[in-house]
Amino acid sequence: MKFCDDIALPYDDSVEQHLDRLPGRVWQKLKEQFPGISIRVLFNAVTPTRIRQLVDEAVRQDEIYRPPNFLSYFVIDFPAEVNEEQLVSELSRWKLVQTAYFDPPGENPSTSPDDPRMGNQGYLNPAPDGIDAKYARGFLGGDGAGQQVIDLEKGWTLDHEDLIAHGANLLYGSIVDTSRPHGTSVLGVICATANKVGGVGIAPEVASVNVVSHSGIKSTIPGAILAAIDKLPDGGVLLLEVQRLWLPTETMLADFDMIGLAIARGVTVVEAAGNGGFDLDNFKDAEGYRVLNRGDSAFRDSGAIMVAAASSTVKHERMNLSNFGSRIDCYAWGENVDCPTSTITTPFSKMQYTRTFQGTSSAAAIIAGAALLAQGMARAGRGPLNPQQMRDLLRNPATGTESKNPATEWIGVMPDFLKIISSNALGSVPTV
């Protein structure tokens, strides 16, 4: 839940004592109506002082950024017998409350099976097959050198043979073993090292790779985003490998607001569109607004690059599982993606691969890799890209590969680095 921005409450778990003093005994009555509920802060990844500092820095960096009061976000925990819809309805009647909603658990936006490595990495190939990462490697920064990325999801095997050289660290939350295959594949797509084993990631020379988990004691998705923002510099890339009820995670207001803070601080955010097969133009938020429809007056733009999934074969068609709509910026391979993987029980495999990573998970990982290449070349050429410039570049139809039926599929384009570099958008500098 979020109180109105002008409501001043202590941002610690003693807030309940202050709510007890509200006129009309509203909090006491709520506890009587819903026995067993309790309230706590939403953001615990950093201190309230650090949150204020991050917001102040964002406001100085982005003149048009208008932050919400992040210290008005709280979580109400409730026992299983409480009806969450009734609780949300009751909270929504409070004049002090801006919004209240049920926060569903975040899930990996993929259902890929775990198979031995076979096939090849066609998503690296020239268009129209792939993004032509191989061509980008002929230019300074075109291998991701000097760039920083954080992946947000639930699990990884960070010491996999194709990842261990990056020295990735878990910065927040806890690793969920059943999610290790998923996260290992995502990192492999992005940055598997060129070490003569396995494959090679899109950006194998990134300077820094780390991860944040939205699982663990009091861990949350917006809290994990905040933890990443605290560590990523201007120009870094944050990948959101999570979906909410098969929808993009920004459909939750706290997630949306945190993405906005990341964007204002100069961090490029890549977001999986989700695997529900939904037309996002028809999605309505808790207040009944079509916030993901670019043609609607209620549209709200987080600034994230939202990614859909398409077939691996030319001409690329939207995967039936992929969400679509006017909010989508890019697409990439949503099937047959060759990359590292792991097991879910000890000893966790460090030498396993799959050729069947799929969904908006694989697609978003490919686009995150593309963002690292683009930023690397831009820094070596014309200068770094801000998040809006990065999104405009990667979603530009003039420098991307259209899907088979762009007028009806609504999944944007797949970036083509031959066209991007040839357009001189990055001021790319050849390595020889």
Protein backbone atom coordinates (compact mmCIF):
# COMPACT_ATOMS: atom_id res chain seq x y z
CA MET A 1 0.00 0.00 0.00
CA LYS A 2 1.03 3.60 -0.54
CA PHE A 3 -0.07 6.50 1.61
CA CYS A 4 -0.56 9.86 -0.06
CA ASP A 5 2.69 11.70 -0.70
CA ASP A 6 2.00 14.39 1.88
CA ILE A 7 1.46 11.90 4.71
CA ALA A 8 4.47 11.92 7.04
CA LEU A 9 5.02 8.65 8.90
CA PRO A 10 8.18 7.22 10.45
CA TYR A 11 9.83 4.87 7.97
CA ASP A 12 10.45 1.98 10.28
CA ASP A 13 8.46 -0.91 11.62
CA SER A 14 7.22 1.14 14.57
CA VAL A 15 4.78 2.84 12.21
CA GLU A 16 1.94 0.79 13.71
CA GLN A 17 2.21 2.77 16.93
CA HIS A 18 1.58 5.96 14.96
CA LEU A 19 -1.32 4.43 13.07
CA ASP A 20 -2.87 3.52 16.40
CA ARG A 21 -3.25 7.25 17.06
CA LEU A 22 -5.16 8.02 13.85
CA PRO A 23 -8.61 9.60 14.32
CA GLY A 24 -11.54 7.22 14.43
CA ARG A 25 -9.41 4.24 15.50
CA VAL A 26 -9.22 3.21 11.82
CA TRP A 27 -6.15 1.02 12.25
CA GLN A 28 -7.53 -0.71 15.33
CA LYS A 29 -10.80 -1.33 13.50
CA LEU A 30 -8.92 -2.73 10.52
CA LYS A 31 -7.07 -5.17 12.80
CA GLU A 32 -10.34 -6.22 14.38
CA GLN A 33 -11.86 -6.80 10.95
CA PHE A 34 -8.80 -8.67 9.68
CA PRO A 35 -7.14 -10.41 12.66
CA GLY A 36 -3.45 -11.12 12.36
CA ILE A 37 -2.48 -8.31 9.98
CA SER A 38 0.69 -6.29 10.54
CA ILE A 39 2.45 -3.46 8.72
CA ARG A 40 6.09 -2.91 7.81
CA VAL A 41 8.19 -0.78 5.46
CA LEU A 42 8.44 -1.87 1.82
CA PHE A 43 11.97 -0.64 1.12
CA ASN A 44 14.63 -2.14 3.35
CA ALA A 45 17.51 -2.60 0.91
CA VAL A 46 19.02 0.74 1.96
CA THR A 47 18.33 3.23 4.75
CA PRO A 48 15.68 5.97 4.45
CA THR A 49 18.54 8.49 4.40
CA ARG A 50 20.07 6.74 1.39
CA ILE A 51 16.69 6.65 -0.36
CA ARG A 52 16.41 10.42 0.05
CA GLN A 53 19.96 10.83 -1.25
CA LEU A 54 19.27 8.67 -4.33
CA VAL A 55 16.11 10.67 -5.07
CA ASP A 56 17.94 14.01 -4.64
CA GLU A 57 20.65 12.85 -7.03
CA ALA A 58 18.04 11.76 -9.57
CA VAL A 59 16.25 15.12 -9.39
CA ARG A 60 19.52 16.97 -9.98
CA GLN A 61 20.37 14.69 -12.90
CA ASP A 62 16.94 14.71 -14.56
CA GLU A 63 15.21 18.10 -14.49
CA ILE A 64 11.82 16.71 -15.50
CA TYR A 65 11.78 13.86 -12.98
CA ARG A 66 9.05 14.22 -10.36
CA PRO A 67 9.57 11.53 -7.73
CA PRO A 68 6.84 10.08 -5.56
CA ASN A 69 7.32 9.89 -1.82
CA PHE A 70 9.01 6.50 -1.61
CA LEU A 71 8.81 6.63 2.18
CA SER A 72 5.05 6.31 1.97
CA TYR A 73 5.19 2.71 0.69
CA PHE A 74 4.40 -0.01 3.25
CA VAL A 75 3.51 -3.69 3.22
CA ILE A 76 0.63 -5.26 5.11
CA ASP A 77 1.23 -8.90 5.90
CA PHE A 78 -1.79 -11.08 6.57
CA PRO A 79 -2.53 -14.70 7.50
CA ALA A 80 -3.87 -17.13 4.92
CA GLU A 81 -7.46 -16.91 6.19
CA VAL A 82 -7.69 -13.18 5.40
CA ASN A 83 -9.44 -12.30 2.13
CA GLU A 84 -6.92 -10.06 0.36
CA GLU A 85 -9.54 -8.53 -1.94
CA GLN A 86 -11.62 -7.38 1.01
CA LEU A 87 -8.51 -6.02 2.75
CA VAL A 88 -7.47 -4.06 -0.34
CA SER A 89 -11.01 -2.74 -0.74
CA GLU A 90 -11.12 -1.54 2.86
CA LEU A 91 -7.72 0.18 2.64
CA SER A 92 -8.70 1.89 -0.60
CA ARG A 93 -11.47 3.71 1.27
CA TRP A 94 -8.97 5.48 3.53
CA LYS A 95 -8.46 9.10 2.51
CA LEU A 96 -4.85 8.81 3.66
CA VAL A 97 -4.15 6.01 1.18
CA GLN A 98 -3.19 6.74 -2.43
CA THR A 99 -3.43 3.13 -3.55
CA ALA A 100 -3.63 -0.39 -2.20
CA TYR A 101 -3.20 -3.58 -4.16
CA PHE A 102 -2.45 -7.25 -3.71
CA ASP A 103 1.21 -7.83 -4.50
CA PRO A 104 1.47 -11.23 -6.26
CA PRO A 105 4.75 -13.14 -6.08
CA GLY A 106 7.18 -12.55 -8.89
CA GLU A 107 8.00 -15.45 -11.18
CA ASN A 108 10.65 -16.14 -13.79
CA PRO A 109 9.15 -15.23 -17.20
CA SER A 110 10.17 -18.56 -18.73
CA THR A 111 9.32 -22.25 -18.68
CA SER A 112 12.42 -23.58 -20.45
CA PRO A 113 13.38 -27.27 -20.05
CA ASP A 114 16.87 -28.24 -18.94
CA ASP A 115 18.67 -30.04 -21.78
CA PRO A 116 22.33 -30.63 -22.70
CA ARG A 117 23.87 -27.97 -24.92
CA MET A 118 23.26 -28.46 -28.64
CA GLY A 119 22.86 -26.28 -31.68
CA ASN A 120 24.38 -22.84 -32.05
CA GLN A 121 23.91 -19.28 -30.94
CA GLY A 122 22.04 -17.97 -33.96
CA TYR A 123 20.87 -14.91 -32.05
CA LEU A 124 24.43 -13.55 -32.41
CA ASN A 125 24.31 -13.85 -36.21
CA PRO A 126 23.66 -11.14 -38.80
CA ALA A 127 20.11 -9.96 -39.40
CA PRO A 128 17.52 -11.03 -40.18
CA ASP A 129 18.50 -14.08 -38.09
CA GLY A 130 19.91 -12.29 -35.05
CA ILE A 131 21.19 -8.97 -33.70
CA ASP A 132 24.63 -9.25 -35.39
CA ALA A 133 26.62 -9.06 -32.17
CA LYS A 134 29.49 -10.60 -34.14
CA TYR A 135 29.74 -7.48 -36.29
CA ALA A 136 29.66 -5.23 -33.22
CA ARG A 137 32.77 -6.95 -31.86
CA GLY A 138 34.79 -5.28 -34.61
CA PHE A 139 34.31 -1.91 -32.88
CA LEU A 140 35.63 -0.48 -29.63
CA GLY A 141 33.21 -1.31 -26.82
CA GLY A 142 31.32 -3.72 -29.07
CA ASP A 143 32.05 -6.57 -26.69
CA GLY A 144 30.61 -4.76 -23.65
CA ALA A 145 34.00 -3.69 -22.31
CA GLY A 146 33.77 -1.26 -19.42
CA GLN A 147 30.03 -1.69 -18.88
CA GLN A 148 28.11 -2.72 -15.75
CA VAL A 149 24.96 -4.85 -15.49
CA ILE A 150 22.78 -6.22 -12.70
CA ASP A 151 20.26 -9.03 -13.22
CA LEU A 152 17.15 -9.14 -11.01
CA GLU A 153 15.43 -12.49 -10.51
CA LYS A 154 15.66 -15.36 -7.99
CA GLY A 155 18.49 -17.78 -8.64
CA TRP A 156 21.83 -18.40 -10.36
CA THR A 157 24.85 -20.67 -10.25
CA LEU A 158 27.40 -17.89 -10.34
CA ASP A 159 30.41 -20.19 -10.43
CA HIS A 160 29.33 -21.93 -13.64
CA GLU A 161 32.39 -22.55 -15.82
CA ASP A 162 31.19 -20.00 -18.41
CA LEU A 163 30.43 -17.30 -15.80
CA ILE A 164 32.89 -17.67 -12.93
CA ALA A 165 35.50 -15.36 -14.44
CA HIS A 166 33.12 -12.40 -14.01
CA GLY A 167 33.13 -12.77 -10.22
CA ALA A 168 29.44 -11.91 -9.92
CA ASN A 169 28.09 -11.21 -6.43
CA LEU A 170 24.61 -11.49 -4.88
CA LEU A 171 23.92 -7.95 -3.63
CA TYR A 172 20.44 -8.45 -2.14
CA GLY A 173 18.04 -11.25 -1.22
CA SER A 174 18.63 -14.99 -1.28
CA ILE A 175 19.22 -17.53 -4.04
CA VAL A 176 16.31 -19.89 -4.75
CA ASP A 177 17.77 -23.18 -5.93
CA THR A 178 14.85 -24.03 -8.22
CA SER A 179 15.56 -20.81 -10.14
CA ARG A 180 19.26 -21.50 -10.68
CA PRO A 181 18.79 -22.82 -14.26
CA HIS A 182 16.89 -19.70 -15.26
CA GLY A 183 19.32 -17.12 -13.90
CA THR A 184 22.37 -19.05 -15.11
CA SER A 185 20.91 -19.04 -18.63
CA VAL A 186 20.14 -15.33 -18.49
CA LEU A 187 23.69 -14.42 -17.46
CA GLY A 188 25.06 -16.82 -20.04
CA VAL A 189 23.14 -15.11 -22.84
CA ILE A 190 24.39 -11.73 -21.67
CA CYS A 191 28.02 -12.37 -20.87
CA ALA A 192 29.26 -15.98 -21.04
CA THR A 193 33.02 -15.65 -21.24
CA ALA A 194 35.17 -16.42 -24.28
CA ASN A 195 37.10 -19.14 -22.50
CA LYS A 196 36.99 -22.02 -25.02
CA VAL A 197 34.23 -23.83 -23.12
CA GLY A 198 30.49 -23.53 -23.74
CA GLY A 199 29.36 -20.54 -25.76
CA VAL A 200 30.12 -16.82 -25.84
CA GLY A 201 27.76 -14.20 -24.44
CA ILE A 202 26.64 -11.11 -26.29
CA ALA A 203 28.83 -8.88 -24.10
CA PRO A 204 31.59 -11.19 -22.81
CA GLU A 205 33.92 -8.38 -21.71
CA VAL A 206 31.59 -6.49 -19.36
CA ALA A 207 33.46 -4.90 -16.46
CA SER A 208 30.96 -5.77 -13.75
CA VAL A 209 28.18 -8.37 -13.44
CA ASN A 210 26.13 -8.69 -10.27
CA VAL A 211 22.70 -9.97 -9.24
CA VAL A 212 19.86 -9.09 -6.87
CA SER A 213 17.16 -11.52 -5.75
CA HIS A 214 13.58 -10.60 -4.89
CA SER A 215 13.37 -13.70 -2.67
CA GLY A 216 14.42 -14.09 0.94
CA ILE A 217 13.39 -12.70 4.32
CA LYS A 218 11.52 -9.44 3.66
CA SER A 219 12.95 -9.25 0.12
CA THR A 220 10.70 -7.68 -2.50
CA ILE A 221 10.86 -6.80 -6.17
CA PRO A 222 10.86 -3.01 -5.60
CA GLY A 223 13.38 -3.53 -2.80
CA ALA A 224 15.63 -5.48 -5.16
CA ILE A 225 15.33 -2.73 -7.78
CA LEU A 226 16.34 -0.20 -5.12
CA ALA A 227 19.35 -2.33 -4.14
CA ALA A 228 20.44 -2.40 -7.79
CA ILE A 229 19.96 1.36 -8.20
CA ASP A 230 22.21 1.91 -5.20
CA LYS A 231 25.05 0.04 -6.93
CA LEU A 232 24.68 0.87 -10.63
CA PRO A 233 26.34 3.96 -12.10
CA ASP A 234 24.96 6.33 -14.69
CA GLY A 235 24.92 4.31 -17.92
CA GLY A 236 24.58 0.92 -16.24
CA VAL A 237 22.02 -1.68 -17.30
CA LEU A 238 19.41 -3.27 -15.03
CA LEU A 239 17.59 -6.35 -16.33
CA LEU A 240 14.22 -7.20 -14.77
CA GLU A 241 13.73 -10.94 -15.29
CA VAL A 242 10.42 -11.17 -13.48
CA GLN A 243 6.71 -11.18 -14.26
CA ARG A 244 3.61 -10.56 -12.12
CA LEU A 245 0.65 -12.83 -12.88
CA TRP A 246 2.13 -13.25 -16.39
CA LEU A 247 2.33 -9.46 -16.81
CA PRO A 248 5.31 -7.05 -16.82
CA THR A 249 6.41 -6.18 -13.31
CA GLU A 250 5.79 -2.45 -13.77
CA THR A 251 2.05 -3.16 -13.54
CA MET A 252 2.69 -2.95 -9.77
CA LEU A 253 2.90 0.73 -8.78
CA ALA A 254 5.88 0.40 -6.43
CA ASP A 255 7.84 -1.40 -9.16
CA PHE A 256 6.87 1.29 -11.67
CA ASP A 257 8.01 4.07 -9.34
CA MET A 258 11.33 2.34 -8.65
CA ILE A 259 11.94 1.90 -12.39
CA GLY A 260 11.30 5.63 -12.77
CA LEU A 261 13.96 6.37 -10.15
CA ALA A 262 16.44 4.13 -11.98
CA ILE A 263 15.74 5.87 -15.29
CA ALA A 264 16.13 9.33 -13.71
CA ARG A 265 19.53 8.28 -12.36
CA GLY A 266 20.69 7.31 -15.86
CA VAL A 267 20.27 3.53 -15.58
CA THR A 268 18.92 1.71 -18.63
CA VAL A 269 16.21 -0.72 -17.53
CA VAL A 270 15.32 -3.74 -19.69
CA GLU A 271 12.04 -5.40 -18.70
CA ALA A 272 10.57 -8.73 -19.77
CA ALA A 273 7.04 -8.22 -21.14
CA GLY A 274 5.81 -11.46 -19.56
CA ASN A 275 4.53 -14.75 -20.92
CA GLY A 276 0.77 -14.42 -20.62
CA GLY A 277 -0.02 -14.02 -24.31
CA PHE A 278 -1.97 -10.87 -23.38
CA ASP A 279 -2.68 -7.72 -25.37
CA LEU A 280 -1.19 -5.19 -22.94
CA ASP A 281 -3.24 -2.40 -24.52
CA ASN A 282 -6.26 -3.91 -22.77
CA PHE A 283 -4.65 -4.26 -19.34
CA LYS A 284 -6.30 -2.18 -16.61
CA ASP A 285 -4.64 -1.29 -13.33
CA ALA A 286 -6.28 -1.40 -9.90
CA GLU A 287 -8.04 1.89 -10.63
CA GLY A 288 -9.35 0.68 -14.00
CA TYR A 289 -6.95 2.66 -16.20
CA ARG A 290 -5.30 1.33 -19.35
CA VAL A 291 -1.83 2.39 -18.27
CA LEU A 292 0.08 0.30 -20.86
CA ASN A 293 -1.80 1.60 -23.89
CA ARG A 294 0.20 4.34 -25.62
CA GLY A 295 -2.96 5.63 -27.26
CA ASP A 296 -4.84 6.09 -23.99
CA SER A 297 -4.80 9.31 -21.96
CA ALA A 298 -4.05 7.22 -18.85
CA PHE A 299 -0.84 5.79 -20.35
CA ARG A 300 2.13 5.99 -18.00
CA ASP A 301 5.67 5.47 -19.21
CA SER A 302 8.22 3.97 -16.84
CA GLY A 303 11.03 4.51 -19.33
CA ALA A 304 12.01 0.83 -19.34
CA ILE A 305 12.73 -1.04 -22.57
CA MET A 306 9.96 -3.64 -22.65
CA VAL A 307 10.79 -6.82 -24.57
CA ALA A 308 8.57 -9.40 -26.27
CA ALA A 309 9.50 -12.87 -27.56
CA ALA A 310 9.49 -14.11 -31.15
CA SER A 311 10.37 -17.26 -33.03
CA SER A 312 14.01 -18.02 -33.78
CA THR A 313 13.38 -18.56 -37.49
CA VAL A 314 12.98 -15.92 -40.17
CA LYS A 315 10.57 -14.29 -40.55
CA HIS A 316 10.29 -13.92 -36.81
CA GLU A 317 6.75 -14.34 -35.49
CA ARG A 318 5.44 -13.47 -32.05
CA MET A 319 5.53 -16.47 -29.74
CA ASN A 320 2.00 -17.30 -28.60
CA LEU A 321 3.10 -17.04 -24.97
CA SER A 322 4.49 -13.52 -25.35
CA ASN A 323 2.57 -10.45 -24.27
CA PHE A 324 2.23 -7.78 -26.96
CA GLY A 325 0.88 -4.28 -27.54
CA SER A 326 1.82 -0.67 -28.20
CA ARG A 327 3.93 -0.54 -25.02
CA ILE A 328 6.42 -3.11 -26.40
CA ASP A 329 9.71 -1.66 -27.63
CA CYS A 330 11.72 -4.64 -28.92
CA TYR A 331 11.64 -8.34 -29.51
CA ALA A 332 14.29 -11.05 -29.66
CA TRP A 333 14.50 -14.82 -29.81
CA GLY A 334 11.98 -16.50 -27.54
CA GLU A 335 12.95 -20.09 -28.34
CA ASN A 336 15.95 -22.30 -29.13
CA VAL A 337 18.39 -20.05 -27.28
CA ASP A 338 21.68 -21.82 -26.63
CA CYS A 339 23.32 -20.90 -23.31
CA PRO A 340 24.60 -22.22 -19.95
CA THR A 341 22.21 -23.69 -17.41
CA SER A 342 22.41 -25.45 -14.04
CA THR A 343 20.67 -27.97 -11.82
CA ILE A 344 18.33 -27.31 -8.91
CA THR A 345 19.90 -29.71 -6.40
CA THR A 346 23.40 -30.07 -5.04
CA PRO A 347 25.95 -30.37 -6.39
CA PHE A 348 24.81 -27.55 -8.66
CA SER A 349 26.09 -28.20 -12.17
CA LYS A 350 28.84 -25.88 -13.36
CA MET A 351 29.27 -27.43 -16.80
CA GLN A 352 25.73 -27.84 -18.09
CA TYR A 353 24.17 -26.17 -21.13
CA THR A 354 20.81 -25.97 -22.84
CA ARG A 355 19.66 -25.23 -26.36
CA THR A 356 16.05 -24.54 -25.37
CA PHE A 357 16.01 -21.43 -23.20
CA GLN A 358 12.89 -19.51 -24.18
CA GLY A 359 10.16 -16.95 -23.55
CA THR A 360 10.46 -13.27 -22.80
CA SER A 361 13.25 -14.32 -20.43
CA SER A 362 15.62 -15.21 -23.26
CA ALA A 363 14.41 -12.27 -25.34
CA ALA A 364 14.99 -9.72 -22.55
CA ALA A 365 18.45 -11.16 -21.87
CA ILE A 366 19.36 -10.68 -25.54
CA ILE A 367 18.19 -7.06 -25.50
CA ALA A 368 20.07 -6.40 -22.23
CA GLY A 369 23.19 -7.69 -23.97
CA ALA A 370 22.44 -5.42 -26.92
CA ALA A 371 22.16 -2.43 -24.56
CA LEU A 372 25.62 -3.21 -23.15
CA LEU A 373 27.12 -3.34 -26.64
CA ALA A 374 25.44 -0.10 -27.67
CA GLN A 375 26.62 1.69 -24.53
CA GLY A 376 30.15 0.36 -24.92
CA MET A 377 30.41 1.61 -28.50
CA ALA A 378 28.72 4.91 -27.64
CA ARG A 379 31.21 5.60 -24.85
CA ALA A 380 34.06 4.93 -27.26
CA GLY A 381 32.41 7.07 -29.93
CA ARG A 382 29.93 9.94 -29.60
CA GLY A 383 29.46 9.63 -25.84
CA PRO A 384 27.24 7.64 -23.47
CA LEU A 385 23.54 7.18 -24.11
CA ASN A 386 20.92 8.11 -21.55
CA PRO A 387 18.04 5.67 -21.02
CA GLN A 388 15.71 7.46 -23.44
CA GLN A 389 18.36 7.56 -26.15
CA MET A 390 19.10 3.88 -25.60
CA ARG A 391 15.43 2.94 -25.91
CA ASP A 392 14.98 5.08 -29.01
CA LEU A 393 18.01 3.41 -30.57
CA LEU A 394 17.05 -0.19 -29.87
CA ARG A 395 13.39 0.25 -30.85
CA ASN A 396 14.05 2.21 -34.06
CA PRO A 397 12.39 0.45 -37.05
CA ALA A 398 15.03 1.95 -39.37
CA THR A 399 17.83 0.04 -37.63
CA GLY A 400 15.98 -3.11 -36.62
CA THR A 401 14.38 -6.24 -38.06
CA GLU A 402 10.60 -6.19 -38.24
CA SER A 403 8.56 -9.21 -37.21
CA LYS A 404 6.61 -11.17 -39.81
CA ASN A 405 3.37 -9.21 -39.28
CA PRO A 406 4.29 -5.94 -37.53
CA ALA A 407 0.86 -4.38 -38.01
CA THR A 408 -0.85 -7.13 -36.03
CA GLU A 409 1.84 -8.62 -33.79
CA TRP A 410 2.78 -5.42 -31.89
CA ILE A 411 6.19 -6.59 -30.67
CA GLY A 412 8.46 -3.88 -32.06
CA VAL A 413 11.73 -4.69 -33.81
CA MET A 414 14.88 -6.70 -33.09
CA PRO A 415 17.99 -4.46 -33.10
CA ASP A 416 20.42 -4.97 -35.97
CA PHE A 417 23.94 -3.81 -35.13
CA LEU A 418 25.06 -3.65 -38.75
CA LYS A 419 22.35 -1.04 -39.40
CA ILE A 420 22.88 0.71 -36.05
CA ILE A 421 26.62 1.08 -36.62
CA SER A 422 26.18 2.02 -40.28
CA SER A 423 23.77 4.78 -39.27
CA ASN A 424 26.59 6.40 -37.25
CA ALA A 425 24.22 6.70 -34.29
CA LEU A 426 27.02 5.67 -31.94
CA GLY A 427 30.05 7.18 -33.63
CA SER A 428 31.48 3.67 -33.58
CA VAL A 429 35.26 3.30 -33.72
CA PRO A 430 36.69 0.19 -35.49
CA THR A 431 39.19 -1.83 -33.48
CA VAL A 432 41.60 -2.01 -36.44
